[in-house]
Amino acid sequence: MSIKKKLPFKICQTCNLEFNWRKKWKRDWDNVKYCSERCRRNKK
């Protein structure tokens, strides 16, 4: 059983919901603005 540490989070610029850090965003976390591809496509 793995114990998750408190991961950093951001607020999505489209839906205004919180989203947590993901391993695939490891190198680019500073530039991530949207929680999903759907939000990125439907940006305001």
N, C-alpha and C. Protein backbone atom coordinates (compact mmCIF):
# COMPACT_ATOMS: atom_id res chain seq x y z
N MET A 1 0.84 -1.18 0.00
CA MET A 1 0.00 0.00 0.00
C MET A 1 0.89 1.24 0.00
N SER A 2 0.64 2.12 -0.92
CA SER A 2 1.44 3.35 -0.99
C SER A 2 0.73 4.49 -0.26
N ILE A 3 1.52 5.32 0.33
CA ILE A 3 0.99 6.48 1.04
C ILE A 3 1.24 7.71 0.18
N LYS A 4 0.19 8.39 -0.17
CA LYS A 4 0.34 9.60 -0.98
C LYS A 4 0.72 10.77 -0.11
N LYS A 5 1.70 11.49 -0.54
CA LYS A 5 2.07 12.72 0.14
C LYS A 5 1.10 13.81 -0.28
N LYS A 6 1.12 14.89 0.41
CA LYS A 6 0.29 16.02 -0.01
C LYS A 6 0.89 16.59 -1.28
N LEU A 7 0.18 16.43 -2.36
CA LEU A 7 0.67 16.88 -3.65
C LEU A 7 0.25 18.33 -3.90
N PRO A 8 1.06 19.06 -4.65
CA PRO A 8 0.68 20.44 -4.98
C PRO A 8 -0.59 20.46 -5.84
N PHE A 9 -1.30 21.53 -5.77
CA PHE A 9 -2.50 21.65 -6.60
C PHE A 9 -2.57 23.04 -7.20
N LYS A 10 -3.39 23.15 -8.23
CA LYS A 10 -3.66 24.43 -8.89
C LYS A 10 -5.15 24.52 -9.14
N ILE A 11 -5.58 25.69 -9.57
CA ILE A 11 -6.98 25.92 -9.93
C ILE A 11 -7.06 26.01 -11.45
N CYS A 12 -7.94 25.23 -12.03
CA CYS A 12 -8.11 25.23 -13.48
C CYS A 12 -8.66 26.59 -13.93
N GLN A 13 -8.11 27.14 -14.98
CA GLN A 13 -8.53 28.45 -15.47
C GLN A 13 -9.87 28.42 -16.20
N THR A 14 -10.33 27.23 -16.57
CA THR A 14 -11.60 27.11 -17.27
C THR A 14 -12.75 26.79 -16.33
N CYS A 15 -12.59 25.72 -15.54
CA CYS A 15 -13.70 25.25 -14.69
C CYS A 15 -13.57 25.70 -13.23
N ASN A 16 -12.45 26.31 -12.87
CA ASN A 16 -12.20 26.81 -11.51
C ASN A 16 -12.21 25.73 -10.44
N LEU A 17 -11.92 24.49 -10.81
CA LEU A 17 -11.80 23.40 -9.84
C LEU A 17 -10.33 23.14 -9.56
N GLU A 18 -10.08 22.60 -8.37
CA GLU A 18 -8.70 22.25 -8.01
C GLU A 18 -8.29 20.98 -8.74
N PHE A 19 -7.04 20.91 -9.14
CA PHE A 19 -6.49 19.66 -9.66
C PHE A 19 -5.10 19.47 -9.10
N ASN A 20 -4.74 18.21 -8.87
CA ASN A 20 -3.47 17.86 -8.24
C ASN A 20 -2.39 17.59 -9.26
N TRP A 21 -1.17 17.68 -8.77
CA TRP A 21 0.02 17.37 -9.54
C TRP A 21 -0.06 15.93 -10.05
N ARG A 22 0.37 15.70 -11.28
CA ARG A 22 0.44 14.36 -11.85
C ARG A 22 1.85 14.11 -12.35
N LYS A 23 2.22 12.85 -12.33
CA LYS A 23 3.58 12.50 -12.74
C LYS A 23 3.87 12.94 -14.17
N LYS A 24 2.88 12.87 -15.05
CA LYS A 24 3.12 13.26 -16.45
C LYS A 24 3.38 14.76 -16.60
N TRP A 25 3.03 15.55 -15.58
CA TRP A 25 3.28 16.99 -15.60
C TRP A 25 4.57 17.36 -14.88
N LYS A 26 5.34 16.38 -14.50
CA LYS A 26 6.53 16.58 -13.67
C LYS A 26 7.45 17.67 -14.19
N ARG A 27 7.79 17.63 -15.47
CA ARG A 27 8.74 18.58 -16.05
C ARG A 27 8.12 19.93 -16.39
N ASP A 28 6.80 19.97 -16.50
CA ASP A 28 6.13 21.17 -17.01
C ASP A 28 5.09 21.74 -16.04
N TRP A 29 5.19 21.41 -14.78
CA TRP A 29 4.17 21.81 -13.80
C TRP A 29 3.95 23.32 -13.76
N ASP A 30 4.99 24.10 -13.92
CA ASP A 30 4.85 25.56 -13.87
C ASP A 30 3.99 26.11 -15.00
N ASN A 31 3.91 25.40 -16.11
CA ASN A 31 3.14 25.87 -17.27
C ASN A 31 1.75 25.25 -17.39
N VAL A 32 1.42 24.31 -16.51
CA VAL A 32 0.11 23.65 -16.57
C VAL A 32 -0.95 24.63 -16.07
N LYS A 33 -2.02 24.81 -16.86
CA LYS A 33 -3.07 25.77 -16.51
C LYS A 33 -4.45 25.13 -16.44
N TYR A 34 -4.61 23.99 -17.10
CA TYR A 34 -5.93 23.38 -17.22
C TYR A 34 -5.90 21.96 -16.65
N CYS A 35 -7.01 21.53 -16.07
CA CYS A 35 -7.07 20.22 -15.42
C CYS A 35 -7.21 19.08 -16.42
N SER A 36 -7.65 19.37 -17.62
CA SER A 36 -7.88 18.31 -18.60
C SER A 36 -7.76 18.86 -20.02
N GLU A 37 -7.71 17.95 -20.94
CA GLU A 37 -7.68 18.32 -22.36
C GLU A 37 -8.99 19.02 -22.74
N ARG A 38 -10.07 18.56 -22.18
CA ARG A 38 -11.38 19.17 -22.45
C ARG A 38 -11.41 20.64 -22.03
N CYS A 39 -10.90 20.93 -20.85
CA CYS A 39 -10.85 22.33 -20.39
C CYS A 39 -9.90 23.16 -21.26
N ARG A 40 -8.81 22.57 -21.66
CA ARG A 40 -7.86 23.30 -22.50
C ARG A 40 -8.51 23.69 -23.82
N ARG A 41 -9.30 22.78 -24.40
CA ARG A 41 -9.96 23.07 -25.68
C ARG A 41 -11.09 24.08 -25.52
N ASN A 42 -11.72 24.11 -24.37
CA ASN A 42 -12.87 24.99 -24.13
C ASN A 42 -12.51 26.22 -23.32
N LYS A 43 -11.26 26.66 -23.43
CA LYS A 43 -10.84 27.81 -22.64
C LYS A 43 -11.67 29.04 -22.95
N LYS A 44 -11.80 29.87 -21.98
CA LYS A 44 -12.65 31.06 -22.09
C LYS A 44 -12.16 32.03 -23.13
